[in-house]
Amino acid sequence: MASEAVQANANPRRLSVGIIGAGVIGLSCAEELSRRGARVCLYEANAPGRGASWVAAGMIAPAFETAAEAGQHRKLAELCFQSAEMWPEFADRLETDAGREIGYVPGPSLAIAMNDPQAQRLSEIACSLKQSSVKHQVLTAHDVRCLEPAVAETCRLGLRLHSDGQVDNREVVGALLTILHARPHVSLRTGAGVSDPEVLLSEHDAVLCTAGWQTTTLMNAFKPIEPIGGQLLALSQAKGAPRHTIRSDHVYIAPKADRIVVGASVEPGQVLNGVDETVLSALEAAAVSICPALSEAKRLEAWAGVRPGTSDHAPLLGKVGRRSIYVASGHYRNGILLAPITARYLANLILENGRCDLADAFSPNRFMSQAL
């Protein structure tokens, strides 16, 4: 098995934690744990940060993702809003420690309706937000176009979501890797697939699995996570392109410094190995119908990825069974959003056995068929 070790220090006085998976969740947990004194080793079968974390749009959207969403975990909205509140400090720390910008935009974003069913959906979201006292504004079509002239004249209705922003997910991955490479008590083993987390307990005091949808293959009695495929594309900047992040039904348009990300398909049960031009063309056409100026943009890139989903759309956070094995996975579309709170909670739990009622509500035990 090929591996590449990056700056390891076997200080026996430090608690040693092995982390399976070097996506944004694994990297964020490694940053938090190592900053608080743990010795950390990340195990990644592929290139770090190049899975679901790379093929994403960096959405930080607690309001749009959780308002009036049927079947979701009853505390998911609370978890998402608390993590969104942590993002300004988290972004500042990453930029300061890594010496690079990560494109964090705290908001607001716009959710718009282009037809009657979408308008009904926005009205439901607005009602849900009003009941929870989340700051938002209902906008007429005229209001929307005044705020964002790029939106088509066929817009029917809009919401201004003050809590919902975005970040450049690829810059976040790069910043985390820069920070971790500079810490002498952190090591990263690439090409190092792990088939059984318990094997790592011979090397570490605790093991944390952040392997996304592949968590189910690593932990045989642990089957609540399913793969959900998604396809996205990136367009070039174009004259008259939108300045705001825009959501409309299942489509989002996320302007970055060097590209405009358009997504995303939702394909349950699919582990995608490539893109489908039919799907991409439909996404691109939808984006152009929302913002006509994008018809002049060139397609820069297209990609497919796999999100880790659960039946209640919420992550699994906490200890699994009686041994020192922990899991942080199943974040679905909210991996970037939930990175700060996931890292803090798992570090508290592993280093101090610290717990809180909110995070405990996302214990993996709610799905466990048997103890490991």
Protein backbone atom coordinates (compact mmCIF):
# COMPACT_ATOMS: atom_id res chain seq x y z
CA MET A 1 0.00 0.00 0.00
CA ALA A 2 1.55 3.28 -1.09
CA SER A 3 1.59 6.09 1.41
CA GLU A 4 2.99 9.57 1.80
CA ALA A 5 3.71 10.78 5.32
CA VAL A 6 3.72 14.52 5.87
CA GLN A 7 5.46 15.81 8.98
CA ALA A 8 4.68 13.39 11.79
CA ASN A 9 5.74 13.67 15.41
CA ALA A 10 5.28 10.70 17.74
CA ASN A 11 4.98 12.69 20.97
CA PRO A 12 3.56 10.10 23.40
CA ARG A 13 2.14 12.80 25.68
CA ARG A 14 -0.34 13.86 23.03
CA LEU A 15 -3.60 12.00 22.53
CA SER A 16 -3.34 10.27 19.17
CA VAL A 17 -6.32 10.35 16.80
CA GLY A 18 -6.56 8.56 13.47
CA ILE A 19 -8.99 10.14 11.01
CA ILE A 20 -10.30 8.15 8.06
CA GLY A 21 -11.07 10.49 5.18
CA ALA A 22 -9.50 13.83 4.25
CA GLY A 23 -12.51 15.70 2.92
CA VAL A 24 -13.62 18.99 4.41
CA ILE A 25 -15.08 17.27 7.48
CA GLY A 26 -11.97 15.18 8.15
CA LEU A 27 -9.66 18.13 7.50
CA SER A 28 -11.70 20.45 9.74
CA CYS A 29 -11.72 17.89 12.55
CA ALA A 30 -7.94 17.41 12.13
CA GLU A 31 -7.42 21.19 12.32
CA GLU A 32 -9.50 21.52 15.49
CA LEU A 33 -8.00 18.47 17.20
CA SER A 34 -4.40 19.36 16.36
CA ARG A 35 -4.88 23.02 17.35
CA ARG A 36 -6.03 21.76 20.73
CA GLY A 37 -2.98 19.55 21.20
CA ALA A 38 -3.84 16.14 19.73
CA ARG A 39 -1.49 14.20 17.48
CA VAL A 40 -3.45 13.48 14.30
CA CYS A 41 -2.94 11.13 11.39
CA LEU A 42 -5.27 11.36 8.38
CA TYR A 43 -5.77 8.31 6.17
CA GLU A 44 -6.97 9.07 2.65
CA ALA A 45 -7.24 6.53 -0.16
CA ASN A 46 -7.29 9.21 -2.86
CA ALA A 47 -6.21 12.84 -3.20
CA PRO A 48 -7.07 14.86 -0.07
CA GLY A 49 -10.13 17.03 -0.39
CA ARG A 50 -10.94 15.85 -3.91
CA GLY A 51 -14.16 13.97 -3.16
CA ALA A 52 -17.51 15.54 -2.32
CA SER A 53 -15.71 18.54 -0.81
CA TRP A 54 -14.17 19.45 -4.17
CA VAL A 55 -17.22 18.82 -6.36
CA ALA A 56 -19.41 21.24 -4.43
CA ALA A 57 -20.41 24.89 -4.51
CA GLY A 58 -19.53 25.88 -0.94
CA MET A 59 -23.10 26.75 0.04
CA ILE A 60 -23.65 28.01 3.59
CA ALA A 61 -27.42 28.09 3.47
CA PRO A 62 -29.14 27.15 6.74
CA ALA A 63 -32.41 28.88 5.87
CA PHE A 64 -32.96 27.53 2.37
CA GLU A 65 -31.73 24.02 3.16
CA THR A 66 -33.78 23.47 6.30
CA ALA A 67 -36.92 25.62 6.16
CA ALA A 68 -40.10 23.63 5.58
CA GLU A 69 -38.16 20.54 4.50
CA ALA A 70 -40.31 17.43 4.92
CA GLY A 71 -38.87 14.44 6.74
CA GLN A 72 -35.77 16.12 8.11
CA HIS A 73 -34.33 15.69 11.61
CA ARG A 74 -36.22 17.88 14.06
CA LYS A 75 -33.03 19.63 15.21
CA LEU A 76 -31.24 19.94 11.88
CA ALA A 77 -32.19 23.60 11.40
CA GLU A 78 -30.84 24.49 14.84
CA LEU A 79 -27.56 22.68 14.11
CA CYS A 80 -27.22 24.40 10.74
CA PHE A 81 -27.91 27.89 12.08
CA GLN A 82 -25.47 27.44 14.96
CA SER A 83 -22.77 26.33 12.54
CA ALA A 84 -23.50 29.26 10.21
CA GLU A 85 -22.93 31.58 13.17
CA MET A 86 -19.50 29.98 13.65
CA TRP A 87 -18.44 30.57 10.06
CA PRO A 88 -17.16 34.18 10.38
CA GLU A 89 -14.69 33.18 13.11
CA PHE A 90 -13.83 29.91 11.33
CA ALA A 91 -13.19 31.71 8.02
CA ASP A 92 -11.05 34.36 9.70
CA ARG A 93 -8.93 31.72 11.42
CA LEU A 94 -8.40 29.75 8.22
CA GLU A 95 -7.43 32.85 6.25
CA THR A 96 -5.09 34.09 8.99
CA ASP A 97 -3.38 30.75 9.63
CA ALA A 98 -3.14 29.75 5.96
CA GLY A 99 -2.30 33.21 4.62
CA ARG A 100 -4.85 32.95 1.83
CA GLU A 101 -8.40 34.05 1.13
CA ILE A 102 -11.19 31.49 0.99
CA GLY A 103 -13.91 33.59 -0.65
CA TYR A 104 -16.24 33.66 2.34
CA VAL A 105 -19.42 35.67 1.69
CA PRO A 106 -21.73 35.74 4.74
CA GLY A 107 -24.81 36.64 2.69
CA PRO A 108 -27.44 37.55 1.88
CA SER A 109 -28.51 35.25 -0.92
CA LEU A 110 -31.65 35.32 -3.02
CA ALA A 111 -34.19 32.54 -3.43
CA ILE A 112 -36.49 33.18 -6.37
CA ALA A 113 -39.52 31.62 -8.00
CA MET A 114 -39.89 31.45 -11.77
CA ASN A 115 -43.32 29.78 -11.82
CA ASP A 116 -46.37 29.21 -9.64
CA PRO A 117 -45.25 25.95 -7.95
CA GLN A 118 -41.92 27.55 -7.04
CA ALA A 119 -43.77 30.59 -5.69
CA GLN A 120 -45.86 28.31 -3.49
CA ARG A 121 -42.70 26.65 -2.22
CA LEU A 122 -41.13 30.03 -1.41
CA SER A 123 -44.25 31.04 0.47
CA GLU A 124 -43.96 27.89 2.57
CA ILE A 125 -40.30 28.64 3.29
CA ALA A 126 -41.16 32.22 4.24
CA CYS A 127 -43.88 31.00 6.62
CA SER A 128 -41.46 28.57 8.26
CA LEU A 129 -38.79 31.26 8.64
CA LYS A 130 -41.30 33.68 10.15
CA GLN A 131 -42.30 31.13 12.78
CA SER A 132 -38.64 30.61 13.73
CA SER A 133 -37.82 34.36 13.73
CA VAL A 134 -35.12 33.94 11.06
CA LYS A 135 -34.28 37.23 9.38
CA HIS A 136 -35.60 37.34 5.82
CA GLN A 137 -37.53 39.54 3.43
CA VAL A 138 -40.27 38.59 0.99
CA LEU A 139 -39.57 40.36 -2.31
CA THR A 140 -41.74 41.23 -5.26
CA ALA A 141 -40.36 40.51 -8.71
CA HIS A 142 -39.52 44.21 -8.99
CA ASP A 143 -37.64 44.09 -5.67
CA VAL A 144 -35.65 41.07 -6.83
CA ARG A 145 -34.56 42.76 -10.05
CA CYS A 146 -33.60 45.94 -8.22
CA LEU A 147 -31.31 43.92 -5.95
CA GLU A 148 -30.05 41.62 -8.71
CA PRO A 149 -30.55 42.97 -12.27
CA ALA A 150 -29.23 39.70 -13.70
CA VAL A 151 -32.47 37.90 -12.79
CA ALA A 152 -34.88 37.36 -15.66
CA GLU A 153 -38.00 39.50 -15.99
CA THR A 154 -40.11 36.34 -15.70
CA CYS A 155 -39.28 36.11 -11.98
CA ARG A 156 -42.48 35.84 -9.91
CA LEU A 157 -41.36 36.17 -6.29
CA GLY A 158 -38.25 36.24 -4.14
CA LEU A 159 -36.81 35.85 -0.66
CA ARG A 160 -33.78 37.67 0.67
CA LEU A 161 -32.08 35.27 3.08
CA HIS A 162 -29.70 37.17 5.35
CA SER A 163 -28.27 34.02 6.95
CA ASP A 164 -27.37 32.28 3.70
CA GLY A 165 -23.99 32.82 2.08
CA GLN A 166 -21.22 30.83 0.50
CA VAL A 167 -17.50 30.17 0.45
CA ASP A 168 -15.11 28.86 -2.17
CA ASN A 169 -15.02 25.22 -1.12
CA ARG A 170 -11.79 24.53 -3.02
CA GLU A 171 -10.05 27.40 -1.26
CA VAL A 172 -11.27 26.04 2.07
CA VAL A 173 -9.72 22.66 1.27
CA GLY A 174 -6.48 24.35 0.22
CA ALA A 175 -6.35 26.47 3.36
CA LEU A 176 -6.93 23.50 5.65
CA LEU A 177 -4.21 21.49 3.93
CA THR A 178 -1.78 24.41 4.18
CA ILE A 179 -2.43 24.70 7.91
CA LEU A 180 -2.16 20.98 8.57
CA HIS A 181 1.04 20.57 6.56
CA ALA A 182 2.63 23.22 8.78
CA ARG A 183 1.80 21.45 12.05
CA PRO A 184 4.52 19.02 13.16
CA HIS A 185 2.15 16.73 15.06
CA VAL A 186 -0.08 16.12 12.01
CA SER A 187 0.55 13.47 9.38
CA LEU A 188 -1.29 12.70 6.17
CA ARG A 189 -1.09 9.28 4.54
CA THR A 190 -2.37 9.36 0.98
CA GLY A 191 -3.06 6.19 -0.93
CA ALA A 192 -3.82 4.70 2.47
CA GLY A 193 -7.17 3.00 2.29
CA VAL A 194 -8.53 1.60 5.55
CA SER A 195 -10.75 -1.47 5.53
CA ASP A 196 -11.47 -1.70 9.27
CA PRO A 197 -11.39 1.28 11.69
CA GLU A 198 -10.74 -1.03 14.64
CA VAL A 199 -7.33 -1.96 13.21
CA LEU A 200 -6.21 1.65 13.73
CA LEU A 201 -6.87 1.43 17.46
CA SER A 202 -3.55 -0.41 17.75
CA GLU A 203 -1.86 2.84 16.63
CA HIS A 204 -4.18 5.50 18.04
CA ASP A 205 -6.10 6.31 21.19
CA ALA A 206 -9.20 7.12 19.13
CA VAL A 207 -10.37 6.71 15.54
CA LEU A 208 -12.74 9.06 13.73
CA CYS A 209 -14.43 7.98 10.52
CA THR A 210 -15.28 10.84 8.14
CA ALA A 211 -15.43 8.70 5.01
CA GLY A 212 -18.70 10.07 3.62
CA TRP A 213 -20.94 7.56 1.90
CA GLN A 214 -18.18 4.93 2.13
CA THR A 215 -18.65 4.84 5.89
CA THR A 216 -21.13 2.02 5.30
CA THR A 217 -18.44 -0.16 3.69
CA LEU A 218 -16.04 0.46 6.57
CA MET A 219 -18.49 -0.27 9.36
CA ASN A 220 -20.52 -3.34 8.50
CA ALA A 221 -23.25 -2.91 11.11
CA PHE A 222 -23.64 0.72 10.20
CA LYS A 223 -25.96 1.13 7.20
CA PRO A 224 -27.86 4.42 7.40
CA ILE A 225 -25.76 6.36 4.89
CA GLU A 226 -26.56 6.13 1.18
CA PRO A 227 -24.75 7.60 -1.82
CA ILE A 228 -26.53 10.48 -3.54
CA GLY A 229 -24.97 11.47 -6.83
CA GLY A 230 -24.76 15.06 -7.97
CA GLN A 231 -23.56 16.82 -11.10
CA LEU A 232 -22.43 20.45 -11.39
CA LEU A 233 -20.72 22.73 -13.85
CA ALA A 234 -18.68 25.93 -13.78
CA LEU A 235 -19.16 28.83 -16.17
CA SER A 236 -16.89 31.74 -16.96
CA GLN A 237 -17.68 35.22 -15.74
CA ALA A 238 -19.87 37.10 -18.23
CA LYS A 239 -21.04 40.68 -18.58
CA GLY A 240 -24.20 41.13 -16.53
CA ALA A 241 -23.67 37.91 -14.55
CA PRO A 242 -25.25 37.76 -11.07
CA ARG A 243 -23.46 39.15 -8.02
CA HIS A 244 -25.62 37.30 -5.48
CA THR A 245 -25.90 33.62 -4.79
CA ILE A 246 -29.26 32.63 -6.29
CA ARG A 247 -31.45 29.63 -5.45
CA SER A 248 -34.41 28.58 -7.53
CA ASP A 249 -36.02 25.22 -6.83
CA HIS A 250 -33.21 22.63 -7.12
CA VAL A 251 -30.86 24.95 -9.05
CA TYR A 252 -28.28 27.26 -7.51
CA ILE A 253 -25.98 29.82 -9.10
CA ALA A 254 -22.94 30.61 -6.96
CA PRO A 255 -20.59 33.34 -8.24
CA LYS A 256 -16.95 32.82 -7.24
CA ALA A 257 -13.93 35.04 -7.86
CA ASP A 258 -12.92 33.11 -10.97
CA ARG A 259 -16.02 31.14 -12.02
CA ILE A 260 -19.75 30.73 -11.57
CA VAL A 261 -20.83 27.37 -10.20
CA VAL A 262 -24.18 25.98 -11.30
CA GLY A 263 -25.71 22.94 -9.63
CA ALA A 264 -26.88 20.48 -8.85
CA SER A 265 -28.59 17.27 -9.77
CA VAL A 266 -29.83 14.98 -6.99
CA GLU A 267 -29.49 11.29 -7.91
CA PRO A 268 -30.24 8.97 -4.96
CA GLY A 269 -28.36 5.70 -4.85
CA GLN A 270 -25.97 6.72 -7.61
CA VAL A 271 -22.18 6.54 -7.38
CA LEU A 272 -21.30 8.56 -10.45
CA ASN A 273 -18.11 7.89 -12.37
CA GLY A 274 -18.63 10.65 -14.89
CA VAL A 275 -20.97 13.37 -16.08
CA ASP A 276 -24.08 13.08 -18.22
CA GLU A 277 -24.37 15.76 -20.89
CA THR A 278 -28.16 15.60 -20.77
CA VAL A 279 -28.13 16.47 -17.07
CA LEU A 280 -25.54 19.21 -17.52
CA SER A 281 -27.39 20.78 -20.43
CA ALA A 282 -30.58 20.89 -18.36
CA LEU A 283 -28.74 22.61 -15.49
CA GLU A 284 -27.15 25.11 -17.84
CA ALA A 285 -30.48 25.86 -19.51
CA ALA A 286 -32.12 26.37 -16.11
CA ALA A 287 -29.36 28.78 -15.09
CA VAL A 288 -29.79 30.77 -18.30
CA SER A 289 -33.56 30.95 -17.79
CA ILE A 290 -32.92 32.42 -14.33
CA CYS A 291 -30.09 34.76 -15.42
CA PRO A 292 -30.15 35.29 -19.21
CA ALA A 293 -26.69 36.91 -19.24
CA LEU A 294 -25.21 33.47 -18.53
CA SER A 295 -25.99 32.52 -22.13
CA GLU A 296 -22.75 34.37 -22.99
CA ALA A 297 -20.69 32.44 -20.44
CA LYS A 298 -18.44 29.58 -21.49
CA ARG A 299 -18.48 26.24 -19.76
CA LEU A 300 -15.17 25.86 -17.92
CA GLU A 301 -15.62 22.56 -16.15
CA ALA A 302 -18.15 19.88 -15.29
CA TRP A 303 -17.95 17.24 -12.63
CA ALA A 304 -19.84 14.60 -10.71
CA GLY A 305 -19.63 13.65 -7.07
CA VAL A 306 -21.33 11.64 -4.35
CA ARG A 307 -22.92 13.12 -1.25
CA PRO A 308 -23.47 11.03 1.89
CA GLY A 309 -27.19 11.12 2.65
CA THR A 310 -29.39 9.82 5.45
CA SER A 311 -33.13 9.31 5.70
CA ASP A 312 -33.54 12.40 7.91
CA HIS A 313 -31.05 14.54 5.90
CA ALA A 314 -28.90 14.97 9.00
CA PRO A 315 -25.34 13.91 9.88
CA LEU A 316 -24.20 11.23 12.26
CA LEU A 317 -21.98 12.66 14.99
CA GLY A 318 -20.54 10.81 17.93
CA LYS A 319 -19.21 7.60 19.37
CA VAL A 320 -20.04 4.24 17.85
CA GLY A 321 -20.34 1.33 20.26
CA ARG A 322 -18.10 0.88 23.29
CA ARG A 323 -14.64 1.30 21.81
CA SER A 324 -12.99 4.64 20.99
CA ILE A 325 -14.41 4.82 17.48
CA TYR A 326 -16.29 7.92 16.40
CA VAL A 327 -18.10 8.95 13.26
CA ALA A 328 -18.79 12.28 11.55
CA SER A 329 -20.53 11.57 8.28
CA GLY A 330 -23.84 11.75 6.43
CA HIS A 331 -23.81 15.55 6.03
CA TYR A 332 -25.60 15.36 2.65
CA ARG A 333 -25.63 18.88 1.09
CA ASN A 334 -24.42 20.59 4.26
CA GLY A 335 -20.83 19.41 4.63
CA ILE A 336 -19.30 22.86 4.12
CA LEU A 337 -21.93 24.55 6.28
CA LEU A 338 -21.56 22.07 9.15
CA ALA A 339 -17.76 21.78 9.12
CA PRO A 340 -17.11 24.19 12.05
CA ILE A 341 -19.68 22.76 14.45
CA THR A 342 -18.81 19.18 13.53
CA ALA A 343 -15.12 19.80 14.21
CA ARG A 344 -15.77 21.48 17.54
CA TYR A 345 -18.21 18.86 18.77
CA LEU A 346 -16.04 15.88 17.83
CA ALA A 347 -12.95 17.49 19.34
CA ASN A 348 -14.84 18.18 22.57
CA LEU A 349 -16.10 14.61 22.64
CA ILE A 350 -12.78 12.93 21.85
CA LEU A 351 -10.48 15.14 23.93
CA GLU A 352 -12.68 15.94 26.92
CA ASN A 353 -15.68 13.62 26.68
CA GLY A 354 -17.56 16.89 26.38
CA ARG A 355 -21.14 16.63 25.21
CA CYS A 356 -24.05 18.92 24.44
CA ASP A 357 -27.72 18.12 24.04
CA LEU A 358 -27.94 19.53 20.50
CA ALA A 359 -25.07 17.51 19.07
CA ASP A 360 -26.09 14.41 21.04
CA ALA A 361 -29.36 14.47 19.09
CA PHE A 362 -27.32 13.45 16.03
CA SER A 363 -25.75 10.40 17.64
CA PRO A 364 -25.17 7.51 15.23
CA ASN A 365 -27.06 5.33 17.69
CA ARG A 366 -30.34 6.59 16.24
CA PHE A 367 -29.63 4.41 13.20
CA MET A 368 -27.59 1.60 14.70
CA SER A 369 -28.90 -1.91 14.15
CA GLN A 370 -26.40 -3.31 16.65
CA ALA A 371 -23.44 -2.17 18.73
CA LEU A 372 -20.04 -2.46 17.13
